[in-house]
Amino acid sequence: MALSELDWHRAERQMTTFVEDIRPPAAIRAQLDIAFRMEGQAVELFERRRTMRGHPIESPIARFVYVKSRSVWKLYWMRSDLKWHRYPPLPEAPRLELLLAEVEEDPNACFFG
């Protein structure tokens, strides 16, 4: 089930603020940047880089999925098998900002290495 319009705008605002806080300096954003995309009830945080030949590539950082029936956000990280896995230290939270704080702190080096 997709996010309601209110929840969508709230999540978009929180993600925009979060990304602005962690983005690299403006001088290198053409080569390396952090962005997010929203689709349905999921939000994906990713890193965007340019190869030596200038081709853009994206590397996933984290995925947040809203479960409306339980009013919780679930947090996923991408392991080396290139599949999303629940993040065991904090698999879900009632508010997106709690998961964003965990991603930013990255105590287990799962998101930013």
C-alpha atoms as a PDB file:
ATOM      1  CA  MET A   1       0.000   0.000   0.000  1.00  0.00           C
ATOM      2  CA  ALA A   2       1.413   3.383  -0.979  1.00  0.00           C
ATOM      3  CA  LEU A   3       2.028   6.213   1.423  1.00  0.00           C
ATOM      4  CA  SER A   4      -0.772   8.706   1.949  1.00  0.00           C
ATOM      5  CA  GLU A   5      -0.160  12.140   0.455  1.00  0.00           C
ATOM      6  CA  LEU A   6       0.584  13.587   3.897  1.00  0.00           C
ATOM      7  CA  ASP A   7       3.012  10.774   4.780  1.00  0.00           C
ATOM      8  CA  TRP A   8       4.628  11.089   1.335  1.00  0.00           C
ATOM      9  CA  HIS A   9       5.313  14.813   1.798  1.00  0.00           C
ATOM     10  CA  ARG A  10       6.552  14.297   5.345  1.00  0.00           C
ATOM     11  CA  ALA A  11       8.963  11.563   4.228  1.00  0.00           C
ATOM     12  CA  GLU A  12      10.111  13.638   1.262  1.00  0.00           C
ATOM     13  CA  ARG A  13      10.809  16.632   3.525  1.00  0.00           C
ATOM     14  CA  GLN A  14      12.727  14.478   6.032  1.00  0.00           C
ATOM     15  CA  MET A  15      14.770  12.814   3.285  1.00  0.00           C
ATOM     16  CA  THR A  16      15.566  16.145   1.614  1.00  0.00           C
ATOM     17  CA  THR A  17      16.834  17.564   4.911  1.00  0.00           C
ATOM     18  CA  PHE A  18      18.830  14.404   5.662  1.00  0.00           C
ATOM     19  CA  VAL A  19      20.454  14.300   2.221  1.00  0.00           C
ATOM     20  CA  GLU A  20      21.347  18.005   2.342  1.00  0.00           C
ATOM     21  CA  ASP A  21      23.107  17.411   5.680  1.00  0.00           C
ATOM     22  CA  ILE A  22      25.237  14.496   4.440  1.00  0.00           C
ATOM     23  CA  ARG A  23      25.981  15.522   0.839  1.00  0.00           C
ATOM     24  CA  PRO A  24      29.614  16.095  -0.095  1.00  0.00           C
ATOM     25  CA  PRO A  25      30.872  19.646  -0.733  1.00  0.00           C
ATOM     26  CA  ALA A  26      29.339  21.392  -3.752  1.00  0.00           C
ATOM     27  CA  ALA A  27      32.697  21.421  -5.573  1.00  0.00           C
ATOM     28  CA  ILE A  28      32.704  17.622  -5.994  1.00  0.00           C
ATOM     29  CA  ARG A  29      28.990  16.892  -6.420  1.00  0.00           C
ATOM     30  CA  ALA A  30      29.388  16.461 -10.174  1.00  0.00           C
ATOM     31  CA  GLN A  31      31.639  13.476  -9.411  1.00  0.00           C
ATOM     32  CA  LEU A  32      30.086  12.204  -6.163  1.00  0.00           C
ATOM     33  CA  ASP A  33      26.699  12.922  -4.673  1.00  0.00           C
ATOM     34  CA  ILE A  34      24.025  11.454  -2.403  1.00  0.00           C
ATOM     35  CA  ALA A  35      20.377  11.336  -3.483  1.00  0.00           C
ATOM     36  CA  PHE A  36      17.124   9.513  -2.821  1.00  0.00           C
ATOM     37  CA  ARG A  37      14.093   8.311  -4.731  1.00  0.00           C
ATOM     38  CA  MET A  38      10.606   7.509  -3.538  1.00  0.00           C
ATOM     39  CA  GLU A  39       8.377   4.869  -5.070  1.00  0.00           C
ATOM     40  CA  GLY A  40       5.185   3.476  -3.590  1.00  0.00           C
ATOM     41  CA  GLN A  41       5.821   2.982   0.128  1.00  0.00           C
ATOM     42  CA  ALA A  42       9.619   2.761  -0.247  1.00  0.00           C
ATOM     43  CA  VAL A  43      12.411   5.315  -0.114  1.00  0.00           C
ATOM     44  CA  GLU A  44      15.862   4.436  -1.414  1.00  0.00           C
ATOM     45  CA  LEU A  45      18.981   6.354  -0.443  1.00  0.00           C
ATOM     46  CA  PHE A  46      21.864   6.002  -2.898  1.00  0.00           C
ATOM     47  CA  GLU A  47      25.256   7.339  -3.901  1.00  0.00           C
ATOM     48  CA  ARG A  48      25.752   8.671  -7.420  1.00  0.00           C
ATOM     49  CA  ARG A  49      29.256   8.659  -8.935  1.00  0.00           C
ATOM     50  CA  ARG A  50      30.758   9.234 -12.329  1.00  0.00           C
ATOM     51  CA  THR A  51      33.150   6.729 -13.854  1.00  0.00           C
ATOM     52  CA  MET A  52      36.427   7.787 -15.406  1.00  0.00           C
ATOM     53  CA  ARG A  53      34.593   8.011 -18.733  1.00  0.00           C
ATOM     54  CA  GLY A  54      31.885  10.183 -17.216  1.00  0.00           C
ATOM     55  CA  HIS A  55      29.118   7.582 -17.069  1.00  0.00           C
ATOM     56  CA  PRO A  56      26.901   7.846 -13.974  1.00  0.00           C
ATOM     57  CA  ILE A  57      26.577   4.849 -11.671  1.00  0.00           C
ATOM     58  CA  GLU A  58      24.420   4.480  -8.584  1.00  0.00           C
ATOM     59  CA  SER A  59      25.249   2.492  -5.468  1.00  0.00           C
ATOM     60  CA  PRO A  60      22.451   1.808  -2.974  1.00  0.00           C
ATOM     61  CA  ILE A  61      23.004   2.870   0.634  1.00  0.00           C
ATOM     62  CA  ALA A  62      19.740   2.156   2.468  1.00  0.00           C
ATOM     63  CA  ARG A  63      16.093   1.382   1.837  1.00  0.00           C
ATOM     64  CA  PHE A  64      13.194   2.442   4.040  1.00  0.00           C
ATOM     65  CA  VAL A  65       9.790   0.803   3.634  1.00  0.00           C
ATOM     66  CA  TYR A  66       6.636   2.044   5.312  1.00  0.00           C
ATOM     67  CA  VAL A  67       4.170  -0.560   6.583  1.00  0.00           C
ATOM     68  CA  LYS A  68       0.916   1.342   6.875  1.00  0.00           C
ATOM     69  CA  SER A  69      -1.011  -1.443   8.661  1.00  0.00           C
ATOM     70  CA  ARG A  70       1.488  -1.317  11.541  1.00  0.00           C
ATOM     71  CA  SER A  71       2.521   2.364  11.202  1.00  0.00           C
ATOM     72  CA  VAL A  72       6.218   1.497  11.179  1.00  0.00           C
ATOM     73  CA  TRP A  73       9.198   2.089   8.922  1.00  0.00           C
ATOM     74  CA  LYS A  74      11.505  -0.839   8.144  1.00  0.00           C
ATOM     75  CA  LEU A  75      15.203  -0.376   7.437  1.00  0.00           C
ATOM     76  CA  TYR A  76      17.153  -2.434   4.903  1.00  0.00           C
ATOM     77  CA  TRP A  77      20.793  -2.487   3.832  1.00  0.00           C
ATOM     78  CA  MET A  78      22.356  -4.078   0.788  1.00  0.00           C
ATOM     79  CA  ARG A  79      24.788  -6.866   1.492  1.00  0.00           C
ATOM     80  CA  SER A  80      27.506  -8.140  -0.834  1.00  0.00           C
ATOM     81  CA  ASP A  81      24.980 -10.523  -2.447  1.00  0.00           C
ATOM     82  CA  LEU A  82      23.316  -7.369  -3.879  1.00  0.00           C
ATOM     83  CA  LYS A  83      20.042  -8.103  -2.107  1.00  0.00           C
ATOM     84  CA  TRP A  84      18.266  -5.980   0.462  1.00  0.00           C
ATOM     85  CA  HIS A  85      18.353  -7.377   4.013  1.00  0.00           C
ATOM     86  CA  ARG A  86      16.714  -6.144   7.188  1.00  0.00           C
ATOM     87  CA  TYR A  87      19.109  -4.209   9.362  1.00  0.00           C
ATOM     88  CA  PRO A  88      19.276  -6.322  12.575  1.00  0.00           C
ATOM     89  CA  PRO A  89      20.330  -3.684  15.138  1.00  0.00           C
ATOM     90  CA  LEU A  90      17.295  -1.528  14.294  1.00  0.00           C
ATOM     91  CA  PRO A  91      14.989  -3.370  11.865  1.00  0.00           C
ATOM     92  CA  GLU A  92      12.061  -0.981  12.284  1.00  0.00           C
ATOM     93  CA  ALA A  93      10.939   2.188  14.011  1.00  0.00           C
ATOM     94  CA  PRO A  94       7.713   4.158  14.342  1.00  0.00           C
ATOM     95  CA  ARG A  95       9.322   7.273  12.821  1.00  0.00           C
ATOM     96  CA  LEU A  96      11.554   7.644   9.765  1.00  0.00           C
ATOM     97  CA  GLU A  97      13.896  10.087  11.513  1.00  0.00           C
ATOM     98  CA  LEU A  98      14.958   7.369  13.987  1.00  0.00           C
ATOM     99  CA  LEU A  99      16.125   5.187  11.108  1.00  0.00           C
ATOM    100  CA  LEU A 100      17.807   8.139   9.404  1.00  0.00           C
ATOM    101  CA  ALA A 101      19.782   8.808  12.584  1.00  0.00           C
ATOM    102  CA  GLU A 102      20.909   5.164  12.630  1.00  0.00           C
ATOM    103  CA  VAL A 103      22.006   5.361   8.982  1.00  0.00           C
ATOM    104  CA  GLU A 104      23.924   8.586   9.612  1.00  0.00           C
ATOM    105  CA  GLU A 105      25.652   7.158  12.695  1.00  0.00           C
ATOM    106  CA  ASP A 106      26.305   3.855  10.867  1.00  0.00           C
ATOM    107  CA  PRO A 107      27.685   2.055  13.948  1.00  0.00           C
ATOM    108  CA  ASN A 108      28.204  -1.229  12.079  1.00  0.00           C
ATOM    109  CA  ALA A 109      29.585   0.272   8.832  1.00  0.00           C
ATOM    110  CA  CYS A 110      26.729  -1.235   6.834  1.00  0.00           C
ATOM    111  CA  PHE A 111      25.667   1.876   4.952  1.00  0.00           C
ATOM    112  CA  PHE A 112      28.720   4.014   4.247  1.00  0.00           C
ATOM    113  CA  GLY A 113      31.399   1.385   4.835  1.00  0.00           C
END
